[in-house]
Amino acid sequence: MTATMKKVVYKAFGLHISSEIDLPETQKIKLENKDIDIVVEIADLTKRWEVEAESNRYFLIKENVCMFMVQGVAIYLIQDGNRIIVSPMVNAQEDQIRLYLLGTCMGAALMQRKILPLHGSAIAIDGKAYAIVGDSGAGKSTLASAFLNRGYQLLSDDVIPVTLSSDCIPIVTPAYPQQKLWMESLDQFGMDSRNYQPIIKRENKFAIPVAAQFASEPMPLAGIFEIVKVEDQKVTLHPIKKMERFLTLYRHTYRNFFIGDSGLMDWHFNTSAKIVNKMNLYQLRRPISRFTAHELAELMLMTIKKEDILYESN
């Protein structure tokens, strides 16, 4: 079980987080209390969960309140976008507690702060951010890793924070310098799994530090690419058009089932409308049967280059 420790301030998702739980994946910083965005505390939520949660329900979502329970790990409470309470269970592993803290908890906190959390990886190309979204197992992190192998930088993996500037330009804020890759992807990139820690003990997914290739400054979001697995043997790219663009953003909003019960449907639609009016969305279709990350990266780069040429000529 995680022991209560002195609060330390970390930077992640563009936010200053004062936490009683160690967050080694993120950056430690020195900061005055008045500049803290989110406070993470350890407390007993057992009785509150028993009173407020419905039978056999793992999530309780209200406006500005999100509670959820992960059996054998912890009960979590996210409130007002500025407070996270963690109630660890007996013998819970710290890596499991952090996994949900930096994932679902931060996704809920971002949404409560009206920051759109997309589920995917974001890479930096020539001063612009490009989001790679898709269902779990689609190959988002693997494609991002193919870009890192080409010398590009990572902005975020798993949860992509998107805000709108004063003139409605979508901006991606860096999350923290780590990727998560499955053993199969490590093998394809010639990376030795013995050099990395599993995300959770006895699992085949590994934490890959990328501090040397982490983009630490926010960048304008210039495009969104959705990966879809298909039976075909070819890698293809297709523009996403009209209302399907809204459905794509909704489908790949992190924990999108939070949106309705949080009273954020109007906000999400309005934010999505401003985003799709500023960029193109594409669907990348890749075969299930073979490794295609390098082909997908090449196809993305060709598409981005064509867009840049068209923009410069107009």
C-alpha atoms as a PDB file:
ATOM      1  CA  MET A   1       0.000   0.000   0.000  1.00  0.00           C
ATOM      2  CA  THR A   2       1.225   3.501  -0.833  1.00  0.00           C
ATOM      3  CA  ALA A   3       2.410   5.394   2.225  1.00  0.00           C
ATOM      4  CA  THR A   4       1.552   9.039   2.730  1.00  0.00           C
ATOM      5  CA  MET A   5       4.567  11.189   1.939  1.00  0.00           C
ATOM      6  CA  LYS A   6       5.398  14.869   1.919  1.00  0.00           C
ATOM      7  CA  LYS A   7       3.768  16.603  -1.023  1.00  0.00           C
ATOM      8  CA  VAL A   8       6.051  17.151  -3.999  1.00  0.00           C
ATOM      9  CA  VAL A   9       5.207  19.339  -6.989  1.00  0.00           C
ATOM     10  CA  TYR A  10       5.308  17.854 -10.485  1.00  0.00           C
ATOM     11  CA  LYS A  11       4.617  19.197 -13.971  1.00  0.00           C
ATOM     12  CA  ALA A  12       2.500  17.156 -16.391  1.00  0.00           C
ATOM     13  CA  PHE A  13      -0.215  17.933 -18.960  1.00  0.00           C
ATOM     14  CA  GLY A  14       0.779  21.595 -18.665  1.00  0.00           C
ATOM     15  CA  LEU A  15      -0.379  21.576 -15.035  1.00  0.00           C
ATOM     16  CA  HIS A  16       1.402  21.925 -11.693  1.00  0.00           C
ATOM     17  CA  ILE A  17       0.471  18.931  -9.545  1.00  0.00           C
ATOM     18  CA  SER A  18       1.142  18.778  -5.798  1.00  0.00           C
ATOM     19  CA  SER A  19       1.065  15.095  -4.893  1.00  0.00           C
ATOM     20  CA  GLU A  20       1.425  12.827  -1.888  1.00  0.00           C
ATOM     21  CA  ILE A  21       2.046   9.992  -4.335  1.00  0.00           C
ATOM     22  CA  ASP A  22       5.393   9.861  -6.091  1.00  0.00           C
ATOM     23  CA  LEU A  23       5.053  10.447  -9.860  1.00  0.00           C
ATOM     24  CA  PRO A  24       8.470   9.457 -11.238  1.00  0.00           C
ATOM     25  CA  GLU A  25       7.238   9.536 -14.846  1.00  0.00           C
ATOM     26  CA  THR A  26       6.776  13.307 -14.629  1.00  0.00           C
ATOM     27  CA  GLN A  27       9.040  16.285 -13.933  1.00  0.00           C
ATOM     28  CA  LYS A  28       9.656  17.488 -10.377  1.00  0.00           C
ATOM     29  CA  ILE A  29       9.620  21.261 -10.020  1.00  0.00           C
ATOM     30  CA  LYS A  30       9.895  23.908  -7.309  1.00  0.00           C
ATOM     31  CA  LEU A  31       6.785  26.042  -7.023  1.00  0.00           C
ATOM     32  CA  GLU A  32       4.847  28.195  -4.592  1.00  0.00           C
ATOM     33  CA  ASN A  33       1.552  26.730  -3.303  1.00  0.00           C
ATOM     34  CA  LYS A  34      -0.421  29.563  -4.860  1.00  0.00           C
ATOM     35  CA  ASP A  35       0.534  28.306  -8.333  1.00  0.00           C
ATOM     36  CA  ILE A  36      -0.697  24.718  -7.827  1.00  0.00           C
ATOM     37  CA  ASP A  37      -3.323  23.517 -10.329  1.00  0.00           C
ATOM     38  CA  ILE A  38      -4.143  20.074  -8.919  1.00  0.00           C
ATOM     39  CA  VAL A  39      -3.651  18.586  -5.447  1.00  0.00           C
ATOM     40  CA  VAL A  40      -3.328  14.792  -5.130  1.00  0.00           C
ATOM     41  CA  GLU A  41      -3.980  13.387  -1.658  1.00  0.00           C
ATOM     42  CA  ILE A  42      -4.311  10.000   0.005  1.00  0.00           C
ATOM     43  CA  ALA A  43      -7.462   9.477   2.087  1.00  0.00           C
ATOM     44  CA  ASP A  44     -10.012   6.782   2.903  1.00  0.00           C
ATOM     45  CA  LEU A  45     -12.920   6.907   0.446  1.00  0.00           C
ATOM     46  CA  THR A  46     -14.411   3.539   1.396  1.00  0.00           C
ATOM     47  CA  LYS A  47     -17.484   4.809   3.251  1.00  0.00           C
ATOM     48  CA  ARG A  48     -18.233   7.506   0.689  1.00  0.00           C
ATOM     49  CA  TRP A  49     -18.031   4.943  -2.106  1.00  0.00           C
ATOM     50  CA  GLU A  50     -20.374   2.578  -0.272  1.00  0.00           C
ATOM     51  CA  VAL A  51     -22.919   5.376   0.214  1.00  0.00           C
ATOM     52  CA  GLU A  52     -22.762   7.040  -3.208  1.00  0.00           C
ATOM     53  CA  ALA A  53     -21.938   4.264  -5.667  1.00  0.00           C
ATOM     54  CA  GLU A  54     -24.679   2.102  -7.089  1.00  0.00           C
ATOM     55  CA  SER A  55     -24.500  -1.686  -6.788  1.00  0.00           C
ATOM     56  CA  ASN A  56     -22.075  -3.281  -9.276  1.00  0.00           C
ATOM     57  CA  ARG A  57     -21.173   0.132 -10.674  1.00  0.00           C
ATOM     58  CA  TYR A  58     -17.530   1.076 -11.086  1.00  0.00           C
ATOM     59  CA  PHE A  59     -17.975   4.737 -12.044  1.00  0.00           C
ATOM     60  CA  LEU A  60     -19.961   7.549 -10.449  1.00  0.00           C
ATOM     61  CA  ILE A  61     -20.081  10.634 -12.682  1.00  0.00           C
ATOM     62  CA  LYS A  62     -21.701  13.969 -11.819  1.00  0.00           C
ATOM     63  CA  GLU A  63     -21.013  17.564 -12.775  1.00  0.00           C
ATOM     64  CA  ASN A  64     -17.477  18.354 -11.520  1.00  0.00           C
ATOM     65  CA  VAL A  65     -17.288  15.011  -9.659  1.00  0.00           C
ATOM     66  CA  CYS A  66     -15.944  11.669 -10.837  1.00  0.00           C
ATOM     67  CA  MET A  67     -15.451   8.622  -8.614  1.00  0.00           C
ATOM     68  CA  PHE A  68     -14.342   5.188  -9.715  1.00  0.00           C
ATOM     69  CA  MET A  69     -13.071   1.996  -8.193  1.00  0.00           C
ATOM     70  CA  VAL A  70     -10.486  -0.420  -9.557  1.00  0.00           C
ATOM     71  CA  GLN A  71     -10.713  -3.717  -7.720  1.00  0.00           C
ATOM     72  CA  GLY A  72      -7.504  -4.529  -5.885  1.00  0.00           C
ATOM     73  CA  VAL A  73      -5.998  -1.131  -6.670  1.00  0.00           C
ATOM     74  CA  ALA A  74      -7.813   1.951  -5.307  1.00  0.00           C
ATOM     75  CA  ILE A  75     -10.887   4.149  -5.149  1.00  0.00           C
ATOM     76  CA  TYR A  76     -10.337   7.510  -6.859  1.00  0.00           C
ATOM     77  CA  LEU A  77     -12.157  10.835  -6.567  1.00  0.00           C
ATOM     78  CA  ILE A  78     -11.633  13.705  -9.024  1.00  0.00           C
ATOM     79  CA  GLN A  79     -13.365  16.963  -8.137  1.00  0.00           C
ATOM     80  CA  ASP A  80     -13.598  20.435  -9.721  1.00  0.00           C
ATOM     81  CA  GLY A  81     -10.590  19.754 -11.913  1.00  0.00           C
ATOM     82  CA  ASN A  82      -8.253  20.665  -9.078  1.00  0.00           C
ATOM     83  CA  ARG A  83      -8.397  17.831  -6.538  1.00  0.00           C
ATOM     84  CA  ILE A  84      -7.707  14.099  -6.762  1.00  0.00           C
ATOM     85  CA  ILE A  85      -8.104  11.810  -3.754  1.00  0.00           C
ATOM     86  CA  VAL A  86      -6.681   8.299  -3.881  1.00  0.00           C
ATOM     87  CA  SER A  87      -7.797   5.575  -1.482  1.00  0.00           C
ATOM     88  CA  PRO A  88      -5.403   2.629  -2.044  1.00  0.00           C
ATOM     89  CA  MET A  89      -6.539  -0.896  -1.272  1.00  0.00           C
ATOM     90  CA  VAL A  90      -4.556  -3.310   0.856  1.00  0.00           C
ATOM     91  CA  ASN A  91      -1.450  -4.625  -0.953  1.00  0.00           C
ATOM     92  CA  ALA A  92      -2.071  -2.419  -3.998  1.00  0.00           C
ATOM     93  CA  GLN A  93       1.029  -1.932  -6.154  1.00  0.00           C
ATOM     94  CA  GLU A  94       2.247   1.629  -6.616  1.00  0.00           C
ATOM     95  CA  ASP A  95       2.727   1.188 -10.367  1.00  0.00           C
ATOM     96  CA  GLN A  96      -0.938   0.192 -10.709  1.00  0.00           C
ATOM     97  CA  ILE A  97      -2.079   3.149  -8.590  1.00  0.00           C
ATOM     98  CA  ARG A  98      -0.061   5.560 -10.752  1.00  0.00           C
ATOM     99  CA  LEU A  99      -1.333   3.994 -13.974  1.00  0.00           C
ATOM    100  CA  TYR A 100      -4.911   5.082 -13.209  1.00  0.00           C
ATOM    101  CA  LEU A 101      -3.811   8.336 -11.592  1.00  0.00           C
ATOM    102  CA  LEU A 102      -1.962   9.505 -14.717  1.00  0.00           C
ATOM    103  CA  GLY A 103      -4.603   8.015 -17.021  1.00  0.00           C
ATOM    104  CA  THR A 104      -8.274   8.034 -16.040  1.00  0.00           C
ATOM    105  CA  CYS A 105      -7.870  10.541 -13.190  1.00  0.00           C
ATOM    106  CA  MET A 106      -6.029  13.074 -15.325  1.00  0.00           C
ATOM    107  CA  GLY A 107      -8.459  12.524 -18.191  1.00  0.00           C
ATOM    108  CA  ALA A 108     -11.352  13.373 -15.861  1.00  0.00           C
ATOM    109  CA  ALA A 109      -9.525  16.357 -14.353  1.00  0.00           C
ATOM    110  CA  LEU A 110      -8.722  17.756 -17.797  1.00  0.00           C
ATOM    111  CA  MET A 111     -12.351  17.399 -18.859  1.00  0.00           C
ATOM    112  CA  GLN A 112     -13.540  19.142 -15.683  1.00  0.00           C
ATOM    113  CA  ARG A 113     -11.130  21.977 -16.549  1.00  0.00           C
ATOM    114  CA  LYS A 114     -12.637  22.048 -20.074  1.00  0.00           C
ATOM    115  CA  ILE A 115      -9.442  20.774 -21.662  1.00  0.00           C
ATOM    116  CA  LEU A 116     -10.233  18.192 -24.352  1.00  0.00           C
ATOM    117  CA  PRO A 117      -8.407  14.896 -23.650  1.00  0.00           C
ATOM    118  CA  LEU A 118      -7.935  12.894 -26.828  1.00  0.00           C
ATOM    119  CA  HIS A 119      -6.994   9.222 -26.560  1.00  0.00           C
ATOM    120  CA  GLY A 120      -3.817   8.785 -28.539  1.00  0.00           C
ATOM    121  CA  SER A 121      -0.262   9.934 -29.145  1.00  0.00           C
ATOM    122  CA  ALA A 122       0.845  13.369 -30.289  1.00  0.00           C
ATOM    123  CA  ILE A 123       4.045  13.994 -32.207  1.00  0.00           C
ATOM    124  CA  ALA A 124       5.834  17.231 -33.112  1.00  0.00           C
ATOM    125  CA  ILE A 125       6.724  17.837 -36.765  1.00  0.00           C
ATOM    126  CA  ASP A 126       8.254  21.157 -37.823  1.00  0.00           C
ATOM    127  CA  GLY A 127       6.765  23.077 -34.912  1.00  0.00           C
ATOM    128  CA  LYS A 128       3.277  21.618 -35.261  1.00  0.00           C
ATOM    129  CA  ALA A 129       1.479  18.843 -33.367  1.00  0.00           C
ATOM    130  CA  TYR A 130      -0.202  15.898 -35.045  1.00  0.00           C
ATOM    131  CA  ALA A 131      -2.520  13.593 -33.105  1.00  0.00           C
ATOM    132  CA  ILE A 132      -2.619   9.842 -33.752  1.00  0.00           C
ATOM    133  CA  VAL A 133      -5.867   8.412 -32.393  1.00  0.00           C
ATOM    134  CA  GLY A 134      -7.530   5.008 -32.521  1.00  0.00           C
ATOM    135  CA  ASP A 135      -9.064   2.221 -30.504  1.00  0.00           C
ATOM    136  CA  SER A 136      -6.994   0.332 -27.934  1.00  0.00           C
ATOM    137  CA  GLY A 137      -4.495  -1.881 -29.751  1.00  0.00           C
ATOM    138  CA  ALA A 138      -4.727   0.058 -33.022  1.00  0.00           C
ATOM    139  CA  GLY A 139      -1.022   0.926 -32.903  1.00  0.00           C
ATOM    140  CA  LYS A 140      -1.011   4.579 -31.827  1.00  0.00           C
ATOM    141  CA  SER A 141       2.095   4.431 -29.628  1.00  0.00           C
ATOM    142  CA  THR A 142       3.870   2.146 -32.090  1.00  0.00           C
ATOM    143  CA  LEU A 143       3.352   4.651 -34.916  1.00  0.00           C
ATOM    144  CA  ALA A 144       4.529   7.475 -32.661  1.00  0.00           C
ATOM    145  CA  SER A 145       7.644   5.425 -31.890  1.00  0.00           C
ATOM    146  CA  ALA A 146       8.317   5.098 -35.626  1.00  0.00           C
ATOM    147  CA  PHE A 147       8.393   8.898 -35.768  1.00  0.00           C
ATOM    148  CA  LEU A 148      10.781   9.041 -32.807  1.00  0.00           C
ATOM    149  CA  ASN A 149      13.070   6.660 -34.688  1.00  0.00           C
ATOM    150  CA  ARG A 150      13.129   9.247 -37.482  1.00  0.00           C
ATOM    151  CA  GLY A 151      14.234  11.968 -35.067  1.00  0.00           C
ATOM    152  CA  TYR A 152      10.885  13.614 -34.350  1.00  0.00           C
ATOM    153  CA  GLN A 153       9.630  14.450 -30.858  1.00  0.00           C
ATOM    154  CA  LEU A 154       6.790  13.197 -28.665  1.00  0.00           C
ATOM    155  CA  LEU A 155       4.281  15.544 -27.041  1.00  0.00           C
ATOM    156  CA  SER A 156       2.024  12.997 -25.381  1.00  0.00           C
ATOM    157  CA  ASP A 157       1.204   9.313 -25.174  1.00  0.00           C
ATOM    158  CA  ASP A 158      -2.235   7.972 -24.171  1.00  0.00           C
ATOM    159  CA  VAL A 159      -3.861  11.279 -23.102  1.00  0.00           C
ATOM    160  CA  ILE A 160      -3.475  14.329 -25.383  1.00  0.00           C
ATOM    161  CA  PRO A 161      -4.541  17.644 -23.767  1.00  0.00           C
ATOM    162  CA  VAL A 162      -6.065  20.037 -26.343  1.00  0.00           C
ATOM    163  CA  THR A 163      -7.012  23.620 -25.532  1.00  0.00           C
ATOM    164  CA  LEU A 164      -8.177  26.512 -27.701  1.00  0.00           C
ATOM    165  CA  SER A 165      -6.215  29.760 -27.873  1.00  0.00           C
ATOM    166  CA  SER A 166      -7.909  33.166 -27.716  1.00  0.00           C
ATOM    167  CA  ASP A 167      -8.283  33.064 -31.512  1.00  0.00           C
ATOM    168  CA  CYS A 168      -9.592  29.454 -31.439  1.00  0.00           C
ATOM    169  CA  ILE A 169      -6.394  27.760 -32.575  1.00  0.00           C
ATOM    170  CA  PRO A 170      -6.236  24.200 -31.123  1.00  0.00           C
ATOM    171  CA  ILE A 171      -3.115  23.770 -28.985  1.00  0.00           C
ATOM    172  CA  VAL A 172      -1.548  20.524 -27.737  1.00  0.00           C
ATOM    173  CA  THR A 173       0.159  20.783 -24.359  1.00  0.00           C
ATOM    174  CA  PRO A 174       2.941  18.260 -23.585  1.00  0.00           C
ATOM    175  CA  ALA A 175       1.924  15.529 -21.119  1.00  0.00           C
ATOM    176  CA  TYR A 176       5.033  13.794 -19.733  1.00  0.00           C
ATOM    177  CA  PRO A 177       8.090  12.129 -21.344  1.00  0.00           C
ATOM    178  CA  GLN A 178       7.105   8.486 -21.487  1.00  0.00           C
ATOM    179  CA  GLN A 179       5.697   6.026 -23.999  1.00  0.00           C
ATOM    180  CA  LYS A 180       3.987   2.699 -23.422  1.00  0.00           C
ATOM    181  CA  LEU A 181       4.912  -0.062 -25.867  1.00  0.00           C
ATOM    182  CA  TRP A 182       4.008  -3.736 -26.112  1.00  0.00           C
ATOM    183  CA  MET A 183       6.726  -6.382 -26.364  1.00  0.00           C
ATOM    184  CA  GLU A 184       5.880  -6.974 -30.048  1.00  0.00           C
ATOM    185  CA  SER A 185       6.633  -3.328 -30.844  1.00  0.00           C
ATOM    186  CA  LEU A 186       9.904  -3.420 -28.911  1.00  0.00           C
ATOM    187  CA  ASP A 187      10.950  -6.449 -30.938  1.00  0.00           C
ATOM    188  CA  GLN A 188      10.103  -4.713 -34.228  1.00  0.00           C
ATOM    189  CA  PHE A 189      12.184  -1.678 -33.273  1.00  0.00           C
ATOM    190  CA  GLY A 190      15.082  -3.803 -32.013  1.00  0.00           C
ATOM    191  CA  MET A 191      14.655  -2.605 -28.424  1.00  0.00           C
ATOM    192  CA  ASP A 192      15.657  -4.930 -25.566  1.00  0.00           C
ATOM    193  CA  SER A 193      12.809  -5.238 -23.038  1.00  0.00           C
ATOM    194  CA  ARG A 194      15.357  -5.877 -20.283  1.00  0.00           C
ATOM    195  CA  ASN A 195      16.243  -2.179 -20.479  1.00  0.00           C
ATOM    196  CA  TYR A 196      12.714  -1.083 -19.516  1.00  0.00           C
ATOM    197  CA  GLN A 197      10.253  -1.485 -16.657  1.00  0.00           C
ATOM    198  CA  PRO A 198       6.884  -3.164 -17.249  1.00  0.00           C
ATOM    199  CA  ILE A 199       3.953  -0.770 -16.827  1.00  0.00           C
ATOM    200  CA  ILE A 200       2.505  -3.311 -14.395  1.00  0.00           C
ATOM    201  CA  LYS A 201       4.431  -6.265 -13.001  1.00  0.00           C
ATOM    202  CA  ARG A 202       4.166  -9.452 -15.071  1.00  0.00           C
ATOM    203  CA  GLU A 203       2.730  -7.576 -18.060  1.00  0.00           C
ATOM    204  CA  ASN A 204       4.177  -7.351 -21.591  1.00  0.00           C
ATOM    205  CA  LYS A 205       3.694  -3.583 -21.886  1.00  0.00           C
ATOM    206  CA  PHE A 206       6.684  -1.434 -20.999  1.00  0.00           C
ATOM    207  CA  ALA A 207       7.373   2.152 -19.924  1.00  0.00           C
ATOM    208  CA  ILE A 208       9.779   3.795 -22.371  1.00  0.00           C
ATOM    209  CA  PRO A 209      11.387   7.058 -21.149  1.00  0.00           C
ATOM    210  CA  VAL A 210      11.726   9.579 -24.002  1.00  0.00           C
ATOM    211  CA  ALA A 211      13.118  12.648 -22.214  1.00  0.00           C
ATOM    212  CA  ALA A 212      15.702  13.210 -24.959  1.00  0.00           C
ATOM    213  CA  GLN A 213      12.945  13.366 -27.593  1.00  0.00           C
ATOM    214  CA  PHE A 214      10.221  15.112 -25.638  1.00  0.00           C
ATOM    215  CA  ALA A 215       8.780  18.393 -26.918  1.00  0.00           C
ATOM    216  CA  SER A 216       8.370  20.502 -23.789  1.00  0.00           C
ATOM    217  CA  GLU A 217       6.498  23.469 -25.316  1.00  0.00           C
ATOM    218  CA  PRO A 218       2.848  23.622 -26.470  1.00  0.00           C
ATOM    219  CA  MET A 219       2.276  23.485 -30.236  1.00  0.00           C
ATOM    220  CA  PRO A 220      -0.667  24.147 -32.558  1.00  0.00           C
ATOM    221  CA  LEU A 221      -2.581  21.010 -33.515  1.00  0.00           C
ATOM    222  CA  ALA A 222      -2.350  20.786 -37.309  1.00  0.00           C
ATOM    223  CA  GLY A 223      -3.936  17.417 -38.064  1.00  0.00           C
ATOM    224  CA  ILE A 224      -5.561  14.281 -36.668  1.00  0.00           C
ATOM    225  CA  PHE A 225      -4.923  10.769 -38.004  1.00  0.00           C
ATOM    226  CA  GLU A 226      -7.144   7.872 -36.949  1.00  0.00           C
ATOM    227  CA  ILE A 227      -5.662   4.353 -37.195  1.00  0.00           C
ATOM    228  CA  VAL A 228      -8.064   1.554 -38.122  1.00  0.00           C
ATOM    229  CA  LYS A 229      -7.125  -2.116 -38.513  1.00  0.00           C
ATOM    230  CA  VAL A 230      -8.455  -3.829 -41.675  1.00  0.00           C
ATOM    231  CA  GLU A 231      -8.217  -7.199 -43.411  1.00  0.00           C
ATOM    232  CA  ASP A 232      -6.752  -5.665 -46.581  1.00  0.00           C
ATOM    233  CA  GLN A 233      -3.002  -6.021 -47.139  1.00  0.00           C
ATOM    234  CA  LYS A 234      -2.459  -2.408 -48.219  1.00  0.00           C
ATOM    235  CA  VAL A 235      -1.822   0.671 -46.111  1.00  0.00           C
ATOM    236  CA  THR A 236      -4.208   3.411 -47.245  1.00  0.00           C
ATOM    237  CA  LEU A 237      -5.224   6.915 -46.221  1.00  0.00           C
ATOM    238  CA  HIS A 238      -8.718   8.403 -46.518  1.00  0.00           C
ATOM    239  CA  PRO A 239      -9.979  11.910 -45.648  1.00  0.00           C
ATOM    240  CA  ILE A 240     -12.613  12.028 -42.909  1.00  0.00           C
ATOM    241  CA  LYS A 241     -15.384  14.350 -44.041  1.00  0.00           C
ATOM    242  CA  LYS A 242     -18.462  16.206 -42.841  1.00  0.00           C
ATOM    243  CA  MET A 243     -20.229  14.963 -39.687  1.00  0.00           C
ATOM    244  CA  GLU A 244     -17.953  11.934 -39.462  1.00  0.00           C
ATOM    245  CA  ARG A 245     -15.260  14.331 -38.192  1.00  0.00           C
ATOM    246  CA  PHE A 246     -17.377  15.094 -35.105  1.00  0.00           C
ATOM    247  CA  LEU A 247     -17.978  11.388 -34.515  1.00  0.00           C
ATOM    248  CA  THR A 248     -14.238  10.737 -34.810  1.00  0.00           C
ATOM    249  CA  LEU A 249     -13.426  13.332 -32.153  1.00  0.00           C
ATOM    250  CA  TYR A 250     -16.153  12.011 -29.865  1.00  0.00           C
ATOM    251  CA  ARG A 251     -15.117   8.389 -30.375  1.00  0.00           C
ATOM    252  CA  HIS A 252     -11.516   9.189 -29.481  1.00  0.00           C
ATOM    253  CA  THR A 253     -12.100  11.521 -26.578  1.00  0.00           C
ATOM    254  CA  TYR A 254     -10.473   9.861 -23.581  1.00  0.00           C
ATOM    255  CA  ARG A 255     -13.172   8.221 -21.406  1.00  0.00           C
ATOM    256  CA  ASN A 256     -15.908   9.767 -23.551  1.00  0.00           C
ATOM    257  CA  PHE A 257     -18.608   8.185 -21.389  1.00  0.00           C
ATOM    258  CA  PHE A 258     -17.781  10.901 -18.821  1.00  0.00           C
ATOM    259  CA  ILE A 259     -19.072  13.646 -21.126  1.00  0.00           C
ATOM    260  CA  GLY A 260     -22.851  13.275 -20.789  1.00  0.00           C
ATOM    261  CA  ASP A 261     -23.152  12.753 -17.027  1.00  0.00           C
ATOM    262  CA  SER A 262     -20.630  15.557 -16.458  1.00  0.00           C
ATOM    263  CA  GLY A 263     -22.937  17.989 -18.272  1.00  0.00           C
ATOM    264  CA  LEU A 264     -20.322  18.659 -20.946  1.00  0.00           C
ATOM    265  CA  MET A 265     -22.071  17.646 -24.189  1.00  0.00           C
ATOM    266  CA  ASP A 266     -22.503  21.238 -25.420  1.00  0.00           C
ATOM    267  CA  TRP A 267     -18.931  22.111 -24.506  1.00  0.00           C
ATOM    268  CA  HIS A 268     -17.614  19.024 -26.285  1.00  0.00           C
ATOM    269  CA  PHE A 269     -19.610  19.710 -29.462  1.00  0.00           C
ATOM    270  CA  ASN A 270     -18.614  23.389 -29.577  1.00  0.00           C
ATOM    271  CA  THR A 271     -14.968  22.553 -28.973  1.00  0.00           C
ATOM    272  CA  SER A 272     -15.063  19.842 -31.635  1.00  0.00           C
ATOM    273  CA  ALA A 273     -16.608  22.268 -34.139  1.00  0.00           C
ATOM    274  CA  LYS A 274     -13.780  24.743 -33.616  1.00  0.00           C
ATOM    275  CA  ILE A 275     -11.170  22.013 -34.002  1.00  0.00           C
ATOM    276  CA  VAL A 276     -12.524  20.434 -37.204  1.00  0.00           C
ATOM    277  CA  ASN A 277     -12.782  23.877 -38.822  1.00  0.00           C
ATOM    278  CA  LYS A 278      -9.042  24.400 -38.356  1.00  0.00           C
ATOM    279  CA  MET A 279      -7.570  21.185 -39.788  1.00  0.00           C
ATOM    280  CA  ASN A 280      -8.016  18.038 -41.803  1.00  0.00           C
ATOM    281  CA  LEU A 281      -8.776  14.638 -40.308  1.00  0.00           C
ATOM    282  CA  TYR A 282      -7.652  11.407 -41.945  1.00  0.00           C
ATOM    283  CA  GLN A 283      -8.178   7.704 -41.444  1.00  0.00           C
ATOM    284  CA  LEU A 284      -5.148   5.442 -41.787  1.00  0.00           C
ATOM    285  CA  ARG A 285      -6.144   1.886 -42.617  1.00  0.00           C
ATOM    286  CA  ARG A 286      -3.506  -0.706 -41.826  1.00  0.00           C
ATOM    287  CA  PRO A 287      -3.426  -4.496 -42.207  1.00  0.00           C
ATOM    288  CA  ILE A 288      -3.894  -6.654 -39.133  1.00  0.00           C
ATOM    289  CA  SER A 289      -1.500  -9.275 -40.448  1.00  0.00           C
ATOM    290  CA  ARG A 290       1.817  -7.379 -40.582  1.00  0.00           C
ATOM    291  CA  PHE A 291       3.919  -4.599 -39.038  1.00  0.00           C
ATOM    292  CA  THR A 292       3.230  -1.314 -40.843  1.00  0.00           C
ATOM    293  CA  ALA A 293       4.406   1.503 -38.545  1.00  0.00           C
ATOM    294  CA  HIS A 294       7.172   2.674 -40.900  1.00  0.00           C
ATOM    295  CA  GLU A 295       4.821   2.669 -43.913  1.00  0.00           C
ATOM    296  CA  LEU A 296       2.200   4.612 -41.953  1.00  0.00           C
ATOM    297  CA  ALA A 297       4.786   7.181 -40.846  1.00  0.00           C
ATOM    298  CA  GLU A 298       5.898   7.671 -44.454  1.00  0.00           C
ATOM    299  CA  LEU A 299       2.295   8.076 -45.614  1.00  0.00           C
ATOM    300  CA  MET A 300       1.607  10.618 -42.867  1.00  0.00           C
ATOM    301  CA  LEU A 301       4.719  12.624 -43.744  1.00  0.00           C
ATOM    302  CA  MET A 302       3.799  12.684 -47.452  1.00  0.00           C
ATOM    303  CA  THR A 303       0.291  13.904 -46.565  1.00  0.00           C
ATOM    304  CA  ILE A 304       1.601  16.602 -44.233  1.00  0.00           C
ATOM    305  CA  LYS A 305       4.091  17.784 -46.873  1.00  0.00           C
ATOM    306  CA  LYS A 306       1.320  18.042 -49.494  1.00  0.00           C
ATOM    307  CA  GLU A 307      -0.805  20.069 -47.076  1.00  0.00           C
ATOM    308  CA  ASP A 308       2.109  22.433 -46.422  1.00  0.00           C
ATOM    309  CA  ILE A 309       2.668  22.945 -50.158  1.00  0.00           C
ATOM    310  CA  LEU A 310      -1.038  23.668 -50.712  1.00  0.00           C
ATOM    311  CA  TYR A 311      -1.063  26.103 -47.777  1.00  0.00           C
ATOM    312  CA  GLU A 312       1.979  27.970 -49.076  1.00  0.00           C
ATOM    313  CA  SER A 313       0.529  28.236 -52.590  1.00  0.00           C
ATOM    314  CA  ASN A 314      -2.784  29.764 -51.385  1.00  0.00           C
END
